[in-house]
Amino acid sequence: MTRRWAHVEELGRRGHMTLVDPGSVNVGLLDDGTCPDAAAPEPYQNSVADTEYMFARTAELGAAPSISIFEPGFLRTTLTLHRHGRVPPGAIVKLYFADRLQFGLPPTPAALEAYLELLEPSGLPWSVAVLGGDVVASGLAELAVRRGGHLRVGLEDFDDGRGTAPSNRELLDGALRVLDRVGATPASPAAARDILGIRPHG
């Protein structure tokens, strides 16, 4: 784990957030029953010990964890450790939904509410993304903002199923239109640090 996570640790050492993936998952299967050659041939594996290591090293570095939730079990693990004081300050929970990809929960109102029911007692800030889909067109972005969440957009996630190739700027503009529609404003970097409770580094 030490070697596998070394590049993330370096980011934390330089004053950035770390990445914590608190569980294991298969992510390659598509809704048509195929698994592309580019998909990982084996499960993406992180044991409970791995998860504890990532959180502990994040705390030692004085960094803030960005926590990826691919399956409901990932969130339950995170929340258990949070209740026991083992999730460092400044954490954000990133809820990843999947459209064509057959993992986790689909980008639906019911799926979002299921995650939020688990999250609510913790008070942790959260965001949504749709891997292999479109967080804005799915309606999930607007639902999340209305429920007090944040958004992740970008080409790494996007796939509208038609081979469209927007720019990152176009995807960002779509998210900004959602914010405008619901009367919200984007946070500046300083405001984002305040939302997460991240102390200035060093």
N, C-alpha and C. Protein backbone atom coordinates (compact mmCIF):
# COMPACT_ATOMS: atom_id res chain seq x y z
N MET A 1 0.82 -1.21 0.00
CA MET A 1 0.00 0.00 0.00
C MET A 1 0.86 1.26 0.00
N THR A 2 1.96 1.23 0.74
CA THR A 2 2.84 2.39 0.83
C THR A 2 3.31 2.82 -0.55
N ARG A 3 3.73 1.85 -1.36
CA ARG A 3 4.22 2.17 -2.71
C ARG A 3 3.08 2.59 -3.63
N ARG A 4 1.97 1.89 -3.54
CA ARG A 4 0.83 2.17 -4.43
C ARG A 4 0.25 3.56 -4.20
N TRP A 5 0.32 4.04 -2.98
CA TRP A 5 -0.29 5.32 -2.61
C TRP A 5 0.72 6.46 -2.56
N ALA A 6 1.98 6.20 -2.94
CA ALA A 6 3.05 7.18 -2.76
C ALA A 6 2.79 8.49 -3.51
N HIS A 7 2.23 8.39 -4.72
CA HIS A 7 2.01 9.63 -5.50
C HIS A 7 0.94 10.48 -4.84
N VAL A 8 -0.07 9.85 -4.22
CA VAL A 8 -1.11 10.59 -3.52
C VAL A 8 -0.52 11.24 -2.26
N GLU A 9 0.32 10.50 -1.57
CA GLU A 9 0.96 11.04 -0.38
C GLU A 9 1.77 12.28 -0.71
N GLU A 10 2.43 12.28 -1.87
CA GLU A 10 3.21 13.45 -2.26
C GLU A 10 2.32 14.67 -2.46
N LEU A 11 1.14 14.47 -3.03
CA LEU A 11 0.20 15.58 -3.17
C LEU A 11 -0.17 16.14 -1.79
N GLY A 12 -0.46 15.24 -0.87
CA GLY A 12 -0.81 15.67 0.48
C GLY A 12 0.33 16.42 1.14
N ARG A 13 1.55 15.96 0.92
CA ARG A 13 2.72 16.60 1.51
C ARG A 13 2.91 18.02 0.97
N ARG A 14 2.46 18.25 -0.25
CA ARG A 14 2.62 19.57 -0.87
C ARG A 14 1.45 20.51 -0.55
N GLY A 15 0.55 20.06 0.32
CA GLY A 15 -0.51 20.95 0.75
C GLY A 15 -1.83 20.77 0.06
N HIS A 16 -1.98 19.67 -0.68
CA HIS A 16 -3.24 19.41 -1.39
C HIS A 16 -4.06 18.37 -0.64
N MET A 17 -5.18 18.02 -1.21
CA MET A 17 -5.99 16.95 -0.66
C MET A 17 -5.39 15.60 -1.08
N THR A 18 -5.67 14.58 -0.30
CA THR A 18 -5.34 13.22 -0.70
C THR A 18 -6.58 12.56 -1.29
N LEU A 19 -6.41 11.37 -1.83
CA LEU A 19 -7.51 10.58 -2.38
C LEU A 19 -7.64 9.30 -1.56
N VAL A 20 -8.85 9.00 -1.12
CA VAL A 20 -9.10 7.79 -0.36
C VAL A 20 -10.22 7.01 -1.04
N ASP A 21 -9.94 5.76 -1.38
CA ASP A 21 -10.93 4.86 -1.98
C ASP A 21 -11.22 3.75 -0.98
N PRO A 22 -12.30 3.87 -0.20
CA PRO A 22 -12.52 2.98 0.94
C PRO A 22 -13.26 1.68 0.62
N GLY A 23 -12.76 0.93 -0.36
CA GLY A 23 -13.42 -0.32 -0.69
C GLY A 23 -12.93 -0.89 -2.00
N SER A 24 -13.55 -1.97 -2.43
CA SER A 24 -13.18 -2.67 -3.66
C SER A 24 -14.38 -2.73 -4.59
N VAL A 25 -14.11 -2.74 -5.92
CA VAL A 25 -15.20 -2.66 -6.89
C VAL A 25 -14.75 -3.17 -8.25
N ASN A 26 -15.69 -3.72 -9.03
CA ASN A 26 -15.50 -3.99 -10.46
C ASN A 26 -16.16 -2.84 -11.22
N VAL A 27 -15.44 -2.23 -12.14
CA VAL A 27 -16.00 -1.04 -12.80
C VAL A 27 -16.16 -1.16 -14.31
N GLY A 28 -15.70 -2.24 -14.94
CA GLY A 28 -15.61 -2.26 -16.39
C GLY A 28 -16.84 -2.69 -17.16
N LEU A 29 -17.76 -3.43 -16.55
CA LEU A 29 -18.89 -4.00 -17.28
C LEU A 29 -19.85 -2.91 -17.75
N LEU A 30 -20.25 -2.99 -19.04
CA LEU A 30 -21.19 -2.04 -19.61
C LEU A 30 -22.60 -2.64 -19.66
N ASP A 31 -23.57 -1.77 -19.92
CA ASP A 31 -24.96 -2.23 -19.93
C ASP A 31 -25.27 -3.17 -21.09
N ASP A 32 -24.39 -3.21 -22.11
CA ASP A 32 -24.62 -4.15 -23.21
C ASP A 32 -23.97 -5.51 -22.95
N GLY A 33 -23.44 -5.69 -21.73
CA GLY A 33 -22.86 -6.97 -21.35
C GLY A 33 -21.41 -7.15 -21.73
N THR A 34 -20.79 -6.13 -22.32
CA THR A 34 -19.39 -6.23 -22.71
C THR A 34 -18.51 -5.52 -21.67
N CYS A 35 -17.24 -5.89 -21.71
CA CYS A 35 -16.24 -5.25 -20.85
C CYS A 35 -15.09 -4.83 -21.74
N PRO A 36 -14.94 -3.53 -22.03
CA PRO A 36 -13.92 -3.06 -22.98
C PRO A 36 -12.51 -3.50 -22.57
N ASP A 37 -11.65 -3.65 -23.58
CA ASP A 37 -10.26 -4.04 -23.31
C ASP A 37 -9.57 -3.05 -22.39
N ALA A 38 -9.96 -1.78 -22.47
CA ALA A 38 -9.31 -0.76 -21.65
C ALA A 38 -9.72 -0.83 -20.19
N ALA A 39 -10.77 -1.57 -19.89
CA ALA A 39 -11.23 -1.68 -18.50
C ALA A 39 -10.26 -2.52 -17.68
N ALA A 40 -10.25 -2.27 -16.39
CA ALA A 40 -9.38 -3.04 -15.51
C ALA A 40 -9.77 -4.51 -15.55
N PRO A 41 -8.81 -5.42 -15.76
CA PRO A 41 -9.13 -6.84 -15.85
C PRO A 41 -9.46 -7.48 -14.51
N GLU A 42 -9.12 -6.81 -13.43
CA GLU A 42 -9.36 -7.34 -12.10
C GLU A 42 -10.07 -6.30 -11.25
N PRO A 43 -10.64 -6.69 -10.12
CA PRO A 43 -11.28 -5.71 -9.25
C PRO A 43 -10.28 -4.66 -8.77
N TYR A 44 -10.76 -3.45 -8.57
CA TYR A 44 -9.96 -2.43 -7.92
C TYR A 44 -10.10 -2.67 -6.42
N GLN A 45 -9.01 -3.07 -5.78
CA GLN A 45 -9.10 -3.60 -4.42
C GLN A 45 -8.46 -2.68 -3.39
N ASN A 46 -9.20 -2.41 -2.33
CA ASN A 46 -8.69 -1.70 -1.17
C ASN A 46 -9.30 -2.35 0.06
N SER A 47 -8.46 -2.95 0.90
CA SER A 47 -8.94 -3.60 2.11
C SER A 47 -9.28 -2.56 3.17
N VAL A 48 -9.88 -3.00 4.26
CA VAL A 48 -10.12 -2.10 5.39
C VAL A 48 -8.78 -1.57 5.91
N ALA A 49 -7.76 -2.43 5.96
CA ALA A 49 -6.44 -1.98 6.40
C ALA A 49 -5.89 -0.90 5.46
N ASP A 50 -6.08 -1.07 4.14
CA ASP A 50 -5.66 -0.05 3.19
C ASP A 50 -6.37 1.27 3.45
N THR A 51 -7.67 1.18 3.69
CA THR A 51 -8.47 2.38 3.95
C THR A 51 -7.98 3.10 5.20
N GLU A 52 -7.74 2.33 6.26
CA GLU A 52 -7.23 2.91 7.50
C GLU A 52 -5.87 3.58 7.27
N TYR A 53 -5.04 2.95 6.46
CA TYR A 53 -3.73 3.52 6.15
C TYR A 53 -3.88 4.87 5.44
N MET A 54 -4.75 4.93 4.44
CA MET A 54 -4.92 6.18 3.68
C MET A 54 -5.43 7.31 4.57
N PHE A 55 -6.38 7.02 5.43
CA PHE A 55 -6.88 8.05 6.34
C PHE A 55 -5.82 8.46 7.36
N ALA A 56 -5.11 7.49 7.90
CA ALA A 56 -4.11 7.80 8.93
C ALA A 56 -2.98 8.64 8.36
N ARG A 57 -2.49 8.28 7.17
CA ARG A 57 -1.40 9.05 6.57
C ARG A 57 -1.89 10.45 6.18
N THR A 58 -3.13 10.57 5.74
CA THR A 58 -3.69 11.88 5.42
C THR A 58 -3.66 12.76 6.67
N ALA A 59 -4.07 12.20 7.80
CA ALA A 59 -4.07 12.95 9.05
C ALA A 59 -2.65 13.36 9.44
N GLU A 60 -1.69 12.45 9.32
CA GLU A 60 -0.31 12.75 9.67
C GLU A 60 0.28 13.85 8.81
N LEU A 61 -0.16 13.92 7.55
CA LEU A 61 0.32 14.94 6.63
C LEU A 61 -0.39 16.28 6.82
N GLY A 62 -1.45 16.29 7.62
CA GLY A 62 -2.22 17.52 7.78
C GLY A 62 -3.01 17.87 6.54
N ALA A 63 -3.29 16.87 5.71
CA ALA A 63 -4.04 17.08 4.48
C ALA A 63 -5.51 16.74 4.70
N ALA A 64 -6.31 16.95 3.66
CA ALA A 64 -7.75 16.67 3.72
C ALA A 64 -8.09 15.57 2.73
N PRO A 65 -8.91 14.59 3.12
CA PRO A 65 -9.21 13.47 2.23
C PRO A 65 -10.39 13.73 1.30
N SER A 66 -10.18 13.45 0.04
CA SER A 66 -11.26 13.42 -0.95
C SER A 66 -11.65 11.95 -1.11
N ILE A 67 -12.86 11.61 -0.66
CA ILE A 67 -13.24 10.21 -0.48
C ILE A 67 -14.17 9.76 -1.61
N SER A 68 -13.73 8.78 -2.38
CA SER A 68 -14.49 8.30 -3.54
C SER A 68 -15.45 7.20 -3.12
N ILE A 69 -16.73 7.38 -3.43
CA ILE A 69 -17.75 6.40 -3.09
C ILE A 69 -18.31 5.79 -4.37
N PHE A 70 -17.88 4.56 -4.68
CA PHE A 70 -18.34 3.86 -5.86
C PHE A 70 -19.51 2.91 -5.57
N GLU A 71 -19.61 2.48 -4.34
CA GLU A 71 -20.66 1.56 -3.92
C GLU A 71 -21.16 1.99 -2.54
N PRO A 72 -22.40 1.65 -2.18
CA PRO A 72 -22.89 2.03 -0.85
C PRO A 72 -22.00 1.54 0.29
N GLY A 73 -21.39 0.37 0.14
CA GLY A 73 -20.50 -0.13 1.19
C GLY A 73 -19.31 0.78 1.45
N PHE A 74 -18.83 1.47 0.40
CA PHE A 74 -17.74 2.43 0.57
C PHE A 74 -18.17 3.52 1.57
N LEU A 75 -19.40 3.97 1.42
CA LEU A 75 -19.88 5.05 2.28
C LEU A 75 -20.07 4.55 3.72
N ARG A 76 -20.58 3.36 3.87
CA ARG A 76 -20.78 2.83 5.22
C ARG A 76 -19.45 2.65 5.94
N THR A 77 -18.43 2.20 5.23
CA THR A 77 -17.09 2.10 5.82
C THR A 77 -16.60 3.47 6.26
N THR A 78 -16.73 4.46 5.37
CA THR A 78 -16.29 5.82 5.68
C THR A 78 -17.01 6.37 6.90
N LEU A 79 -18.31 6.20 6.95
CA LEU A 79 -19.09 6.77 8.04
C LEU A 79 -18.79 6.08 9.37
N THR A 80 -18.51 4.78 9.34
CA THR A 80 -18.12 4.09 10.56
C THR A 80 -16.80 4.65 11.09
N LEU A 81 -15.82 4.80 10.20
CA LEU A 81 -14.54 5.36 10.63
C LEU A 81 -14.69 6.81 11.07
N HIS A 82 -15.58 7.55 10.42
CA HIS A 82 -15.82 8.94 10.81
C HIS A 82 -16.41 9.01 12.22
N ARG A 83 -17.36 8.14 12.51
CA ARG A 83 -17.95 8.13 13.85
C ARG A 83 -16.92 7.83 14.93
N HIS A 84 -15.89 7.08 14.56
CA HIS A 84 -14.87 6.71 15.53
C HIS A 84 -13.65 7.62 15.47
N GLY A 85 -13.80 8.76 14.79
CA GLY A 85 -12.75 9.78 14.78
C GLY A 85 -11.56 9.48 13.92
N ARG A 86 -11.71 8.59 12.93
CA ARG A 86 -10.56 8.20 12.12
C ARG A 86 -10.59 8.78 10.71
N VAL A 87 -11.49 9.72 10.44
CA VAL A 87 -11.50 10.46 9.17
C VAL A 87 -11.03 11.88 9.48
N PRO A 88 -9.93 12.33 8.86
CA PRO A 88 -9.37 13.64 9.18
C PRO A 88 -10.31 14.79 8.80
N PRO A 89 -10.10 15.96 9.42
CA PRO A 89 -10.88 17.15 9.06
C PRO A 89 -10.67 17.53 7.60
N GLY A 90 -11.64 18.25 7.05
CA GLY A 90 -11.54 18.73 5.67
C GLY A 90 -12.04 17.76 4.63
N ALA A 91 -12.64 16.64 5.08
CA ALA A 91 -13.06 15.59 4.15
C ALA A 91 -14.25 16.03 3.30
N ILE A 92 -14.27 15.55 2.05
CA ILE A 92 -15.47 15.64 1.21
C ILE A 92 -15.75 14.25 0.66
N VAL A 93 -17.01 13.88 0.65
CA VAL A 93 -17.46 12.59 0.13
C VAL A 93 -17.92 12.79 -1.31
N LYS A 94 -17.30 12.08 -2.24
CA LYS A 94 -17.65 12.19 -3.66
C LYS A 94 -18.51 10.98 -4.03
N LEU A 95 -19.77 11.22 -4.29
CA LEU A 95 -20.71 10.15 -4.65
C LEU A 95 -20.65 9.93 -6.15
N TYR A 96 -20.14 8.76 -6.56
CA TYR A 96 -20.05 8.43 -7.97
C TYR A 96 -21.22 7.53 -8.36
N PHE A 97 -22.01 8.00 -9.31
CA PHE A 97 -23.11 7.22 -9.88
C PHE A 97 -22.66 6.72 -11.24
N ALA A 98 -23.33 5.69 -11.75
CA ALA A 98 -22.94 5.11 -13.03
C ALA A 98 -24.17 4.93 -13.90
N ASP A 99 -24.00 5.25 -15.18
CA ASP A 99 -25.09 5.13 -16.14
C ASP A 99 -24.89 3.85 -16.95
N ARG A 100 -24.08 3.92 -18.02
CA ARG A 100 -23.81 2.71 -18.80
C ARG A 100 -22.95 1.72 -18.02
N LEU A 101 -22.04 2.20 -17.21
CA LEU A 101 -21.21 1.32 -16.40
C LEU A 101 -22.06 0.67 -15.32
N GLN A 102 -21.83 -0.61 -15.10
CA GLN A 102 -22.69 -1.39 -14.21
C GLN A 102 -22.06 -1.59 -12.83
N PHE A 103 -21.85 -0.49 -12.13
CA PHE A 103 -21.41 -0.57 -10.75
C PHE A 103 -22.22 0.43 -9.94
N GLY A 104 -22.26 0.23 -8.65
CA GLY A 104 -22.88 1.21 -7.77
C GLY A 104 -24.34 1.47 -8.08
N LEU A 105 -24.74 2.72 -7.88
CA LEU A 105 -26.13 3.12 -8.07
C LEU A 105 -26.28 3.99 -9.31
N PRO A 106 -27.44 3.92 -9.97
CA PRO A 106 -27.68 4.76 -11.15
C PRO A 106 -27.98 6.20 -10.74
N PRO A 107 -27.89 7.14 -11.67
CA PRO A 107 -28.12 8.56 -11.34
C PRO A 107 -29.61 8.90 -11.28
N THR A 108 -30.28 8.45 -10.23
CA THR A 108 -31.71 8.68 -10.07
C THR A 108 -31.97 9.39 -8.75
N PRO A 109 -33.12 10.03 -8.61
CA PRO A 109 -33.46 10.68 -7.35
C PRO A 109 -33.45 9.70 -6.17
N ALA A 110 -34.00 8.50 -6.38
CA ALA A 110 -34.04 7.52 -5.29
C ALA A 110 -32.65 7.11 -4.85
N ALA A 111 -31.74 6.95 -5.81
CA ALA A 111 -30.37 6.57 -5.47
C ALA A 111 -29.68 7.68 -4.67
N LEU A 112 -29.86 8.92 -5.10
CA LEU A 112 -29.28 10.03 -4.35
C LEU A 112 -29.84 10.08 -2.93
N GLU A 113 -31.14 9.91 -2.79
CA GLU A 113 -31.75 9.96 -1.46
C GLU A 113 -31.24 8.83 -0.57
N ALA A 114 -30.97 7.67 -1.15
CA ALA A 114 -30.44 6.56 -0.35
C ALA A 114 -29.07 6.93 0.24
N TYR A 115 -28.22 7.54 -0.59
CA TYR A 115 -26.93 7.98 -0.10
C TYR A 115 -27.09 9.07 0.96
N LEU A 116 -27.98 10.01 0.72
CA LEU A 116 -28.14 11.13 1.65
C LEU A 116 -28.71 10.68 2.98
N GLU A 117 -29.54 9.64 2.96
CA GLU A 117 -30.05 9.10 4.23
C GLU A 117 -28.90 8.59 5.09
N LEU A 118 -27.94 7.93 4.45
CA LEU A 118 -26.76 7.46 5.17
C LEU A 118 -25.89 8.62 5.64
N LEU A 119 -25.72 9.62 4.79
CA LEU A 119 -24.79 10.72 5.04
C LEU A 119 -25.28 11.71 6.08
N GLU A 120 -26.57 11.93 6.17
CA GLU A 120 -27.11 13.07 6.91
C GLU A 120 -26.58 13.22 8.33
N PRO A 121 -26.53 12.15 9.12
CA PRO A 121 -26.07 12.36 10.50
C PRO A 121 -24.62 12.84 10.61
N SER A 122 -23.80 12.60 9.58
CA SER A 122 -22.37 12.90 9.65
C SER A 122 -22.08 14.38 9.46
N GLY A 123 -22.90 15.07 8.68
CA GLY A 123 -22.63 16.46 8.36
C GLY A 123 -21.50 16.67 7.37
N LEU A 124 -20.97 15.59 6.79
CA LEU A 124 -19.87 15.72 5.84
C LEU A 124 -20.35 16.36 4.53
N PRO A 125 -19.58 17.29 3.96
CA PRO A 125 -19.94 17.82 2.65
C PRO A 125 -19.80 16.74 1.59
N TRP A 126 -20.57 16.89 0.49
CA TRP A 126 -20.59 15.84 -0.52
C TRP A 126 -20.78 16.45 -1.91
N SER A 127 -20.40 15.66 -2.90
CA SER A 127 -20.58 16.06 -4.29
C SER A 127 -21.08 14.87 -5.08
N VAL A 128 -21.55 15.12 -6.30
CA VAL A 128 -22.00 14.04 -7.18
C VAL A 128 -21.26 14.09 -8.51
N ALA A 129 -21.14 12.92 -9.11
CA ALA A 129 -20.59 12.78 -10.46
C ALA A 129 -21.24 11.55 -11.08
N VAL A 130 -21.29 11.53 -12.41
CA VAL A 130 -21.79 10.36 -13.14
C VAL A 130 -20.65 9.87 -14.03
N LEU A 131 -20.13 8.70 -13.74
CA LEU A 131 -19.06 8.13 -14.56
C LEU A 131 -19.67 7.42 -15.76
N GLY A 132 -19.14 7.74 -16.95
CA GLY A 132 -19.69 7.17 -18.16
C GLY A 132 -21.08 7.69 -18.46
N GLY A 133 -21.35 8.94 -18.11
CA GLY A 133 -22.66 9.55 -18.33
C GLY A 133 -22.56 11.06 -18.36
N ASP A 134 -23.63 11.71 -17.99
CA ASP A 134 -23.69 13.18 -18.03
C ASP A 134 -24.42 13.65 -16.78
N VAL A 135 -23.69 14.19 -15.83
CA VAL A 135 -24.27 14.57 -14.55
C VAL A 135 -25.32 15.67 -14.70
N VAL A 136 -25.16 16.54 -15.71
CA VAL A 136 -26.13 17.63 -15.92
C VAL A 136 -27.37 17.10 -16.63
N ALA A 137 -27.18 16.42 -17.77
CA ALA A 137 -28.32 15.94 -18.54
C ALA A 137 -29.14 14.91 -17.78
N SER A 138 -28.52 14.17 -16.89
CA SER A 138 -29.26 13.17 -16.11
C SER A 138 -30.21 13.81 -15.10
N GLY A 139 -30.02 15.10 -14.83
CA GLY A 139 -30.81 15.79 -13.82
C GLY A 139 -30.22 15.69 -12.42
N LEU A 140 -29.17 14.87 -12.27
CA LEU A 140 -28.59 14.66 -10.94
C LEU A 140 -27.92 15.92 -10.41
N ALA A 141 -27.31 16.71 -11.30
CA ALA A 141 -26.64 17.93 -10.86
C ALA A 141 -27.62 18.87 -10.17
N GLU A 142 -28.76 19.11 -10.80
CA GLU A 142 -29.73 20.03 -10.20
C GLU A 142 -30.29 19.47 -8.89
N LEU A 143 -30.58 18.18 -8.87
CA LEU A 143 -31.06 17.58 -7.63
C LEU A 143 -30.05 17.76 -6.49
N ALA A 144 -28.78 17.54 -6.81
CA ALA A 144 -27.74 17.63 -5.79
C ALA A 144 -27.62 19.06 -5.26
N VAL A 145 -27.60 20.03 -6.15
CA VAL A 145 -27.45 21.42 -5.70
C VAL A 145 -28.64 21.83 -4.84
N ARG A 146 -29.82 21.42 -5.24
CA ARG A 146 -31.01 21.75 -4.45
C ARG A 146 -30.98 21.10 -3.07
N ARG A 147 -30.26 19.99 -2.94
CA ARG A 147 -30.17 19.28 -1.65
C ARG A 147 -28.94 19.68 -0.85
N GLY A 148 -28.21 20.70 -1.35
CA GLY A 148 -27.06 21.20 -0.60
C GLY A 148 -25.73 20.56 -0.96
N GLY A 149 -25.68 19.87 -2.10
CA GLY A 149 -24.45 19.21 -2.51
C GLY A 149 -23.63 20.02 -3.50
N HIS A 150 -22.55 19.43 -3.94
CA HIS A 150 -21.62 20.06 -4.87
C HIS A 150 -21.49 19.18 -6.11
N LEU A 151 -20.80 19.70 -7.14
CA LEU A 151 -20.75 19.02 -8.43
C LEU A 151 -19.32 18.72 -8.86
N ARG A 152 -19.17 17.60 -9.55
CA ARG A 152 -17.94 17.29 -10.26
C ARG A 152 -18.31 17.11 -11.73
N VAL A 153 -17.66 17.87 -12.60
CA VAL A 153 -17.89 17.74 -14.04
C VAL A 153 -16.54 17.68 -14.74
N GLY A 154 -16.54 17.14 -15.96
CA GLY A 154 -15.31 17.11 -16.73
C GLY A 154 -15.26 15.94 -17.69
N LEU A 155 -14.29 15.99 -18.57
CA LEU A 155 -14.19 14.99 -19.64
C LEU A 155 -13.86 13.60 -19.11
N GLU A 156 -13.21 13.51 -17.96
CA GLU A 156 -12.90 12.19 -17.42
C GLU A 156 -14.16 11.37 -17.18
N ASP A 157 -15.24 12.04 -16.81
CA ASP A 157 -16.49 11.34 -16.49
C ASP A 157 -17.44 11.23 -17.68
N PHE A 158 -17.42 12.18 -18.57
CA PHE A 158 -18.51 12.39 -19.53
C PHE A 158 -18.60 11.33 -20.62
N ASP A 159 -19.82 10.89 -20.88
CA ASP A 159 -20.15 10.05 -22.03
C ASP A 159 -21.66 10.14 -22.24
N ASP A 160 -22.06 10.75 -23.35
CA ASP A 160 -23.51 10.89 -23.59
C ASP A 160 -24.06 9.76 -24.45
N GLY A 161 -23.20 8.77 -24.77
CA GLY A 161 -23.64 7.63 -25.57
C GLY A 161 -23.74 7.91 -27.05
N ARG A 162 -23.44 9.14 -27.47
CA ARG A 162 -23.53 9.50 -28.89
C ARG A 162 -22.18 9.87 -29.48
N GLY A 163 -21.14 9.75 -28.69
CA GLY A 163 -19.81 10.09 -29.17
C GLY A 163 -19.54 11.58 -29.23
N THR A 164 -20.37 12.38 -28.57
CA THR A 164 -20.16 13.82 -28.54
C THR A 164 -18.85 14.13 -27.82
N ALA A 165 -18.13 15.15 -28.28
CA ALA A 165 -16.85 15.49 -27.67
C ALA A 165 -16.84 16.96 -27.26
N PRO A 166 -17.53 17.30 -26.17
CA PRO A 166 -17.49 18.69 -25.71
C PRO A 166 -16.14 19.00 -25.07
N SER A 167 -15.89 20.26 -24.85
CA SER A 167 -14.70 20.66 -24.12
C SER A 167 -15.02 20.70 -22.62
N ASN A 168 -13.98 20.72 -21.81
CA ASN A 168 -14.20 20.87 -20.38
C ASN A 168 -14.94 22.18 -20.09
N ARG A 169 -14.62 23.23 -20.84
CA ARG A 169 -15.30 24.51 -20.64
C ARG A 169 -16.80 24.39 -20.91
N GLU A 170 -17.16 23.65 -21.95
CA GLU A 170 -18.58 23.47 -22.26
C GLU A 170 -19.30 22.71 -21.15
N LEU A 171 -18.63 21.70 -20.61
CA LEU A 171 -19.22 20.95 -19.50
C LEU A 171 -19.35 21.82 -18.25
N LEU A 172 -18.34 22.63 -18.00
CA LEU A 172 -18.40 23.55 -16.87
C LEU A 172 -19.52 24.57 -17.05
N ASP A 173 -19.67 25.09 -18.26
CA ASP A 173 -20.74 26.06 -18.53
C ASP A 173 -22.11 25.43 -18.26
N GLY A 174 -22.26 24.15 -18.59
CA GLY A 174 -23.52 23.47 -18.32
C GLY A 174 -23.80 23.41 -16.83
N ALA A 175 -22.76 23.15 -16.04
CA ALA A 175 -22.92 23.12 -14.58
C ALA A 175 -23.25 24.51 -14.05
N LEU A 176 -22.62 25.53 -14.61
CA LEU A 176 -22.90 26.90 -14.17
C LEU A 176 -24.34 27.30 -14.46
N ARG A 177 -24.88 26.81 -15.57
CA ARG A 177 -26.29 27.10 -15.87
C ARG A 177 -27.21 26.45 -14.83
N VAL A 178 -26.84 25.27 -14.35
CA VAL A 178 -27.62 24.63 -13.28
C VAL A 178 -27.60 25.51 -12.03
N LEU A 179 -26.42 25.99 -11.66
CA LEU A 179 -26.31 26.85 -10.48
C LEU A 179 -27.16 28.10 -10.64
N ASP A 180 -27.11 28.69 -11.82
CA ASP A 180 -27.88 29.91 -12.07
C ASP A 180 -29.38 29.63 -11.96
N ARG A 181 -29.81 28.47 -12.46
CA ARG A 181 -31.23 28.13 -12.46
C ARG A 181 -31.77 27.96 -11.04
N VAL A 182 -30.95 27.49 -10.13
CA VAL A 182 -31.42 27.27 -8.77
C VAL A 182 -31.01 28.39 -7.81
N GLY A 183 -30.38 29.43 -8.36
CA GLY A 183 -30.01 30.57 -7.53
C GLY A 183 -28.79 30.36 -6.67
N ALA A 184 -27.89 29.47 -7.10
CA ALA A 184 -26.65 29.22 -6.37
C ALA A 184 -25.48 29.86 -7.11
N THR A 185 -24.37 30.00 -6.43
CA THR A 185 -23.18 30.59 -7.04
C THR A 185 -22.00 29.65 -6.84
N PRO A 186 -21.05 29.64 -7.80
CA PRO A 186 -19.86 28.80 -7.63
C PRO A 186 -18.97 29.35 -6.51
N ALA A 187 -18.31 28.46 -5.81
CA ALA A 187 -17.41 28.87 -4.73
C ALA A 187 -16.02 29.18 -5.29
N SER A 188 -15.41 30.21 -4.77
CA SER A 188 -14.01 30.49 -5.08
C SER A 188 -13.14 29.45 -4.38
N PRO A 189 -11.86 29.32 -4.77
CA PRO A 189 -10.99 28.37 -4.06
C PRO A 189 -10.95 28.63 -2.55
N ALA A 190 -10.91 29.90 -2.16
CA ALA A 190 -10.87 30.21 -0.72
C ALA A 190 -12.18 29.80 -0.05
N ALA A 191 -13.30 30.06 -0.73
CA ALA A 191 -14.60 29.68 -0.16
C ALA A 191 -14.73 28.17 -0.08
N ALA A 192 -14.20 27.45 -1.07
CA ALA A 192 -14.25 25.99 -1.04
C ALA A 192 -13.48 25.44 0.16
N ARG A 193 -12.33 26.03 0.44
CA ARG A 193 -11.56 25.60 1.61
C ARG A 193 -12.35 25.85 2.89
N ASP A 194 -13.06 26.97 2.94
CA ASP A 194 -13.88 27.27 4.12
C ASP A 194 -15.03 26.27 4.26
N ILE A 195 -15.66 25.91 3.13
CA ILE A 195 -16.77 24.94 3.16
C ILE A 195 -16.29 23.61 3.74
N LEU A 196 -15.09 23.22 3.33
CA LEU A 196 -14.57 21.93 3.77
C LEU A 196 -13.89 22.01 5.14
N GLY A 197 -13.63 23.23 5.59
CA GLY A 197 -12.93 23.38 6.86
C GLY A 197 -11.47 23.04 6.77
N ILE A 198 -10.86 23.33 5.62
CA ILE A 198 -9.44 23.03 5.42
C ILE A 198 -8.61 24.20 5.92
N ARG A 199 -7.69 23.92 6.82
CA ARG A 199 -6.81 24.97 7.33
C ARG A 199 -5.73 25.27 6.30
N PRO A 200 -5.24 26.52 6.25
CA PRO A 200 -4.11 26.82 5.36
C PRO A 200 -2.93 25.91 5.66
N HIS A 201 -2.27 25.43 4.60
CA HIS A 201 -1.18 24.46 4.78
C HIS A 201 0.11 25.18 5.14
N GLY A 202 0.82 24.58 6.10
CA GLY A 202 2.11 25.11 6.48
C GLY A 202 1.98 26.33 7.36
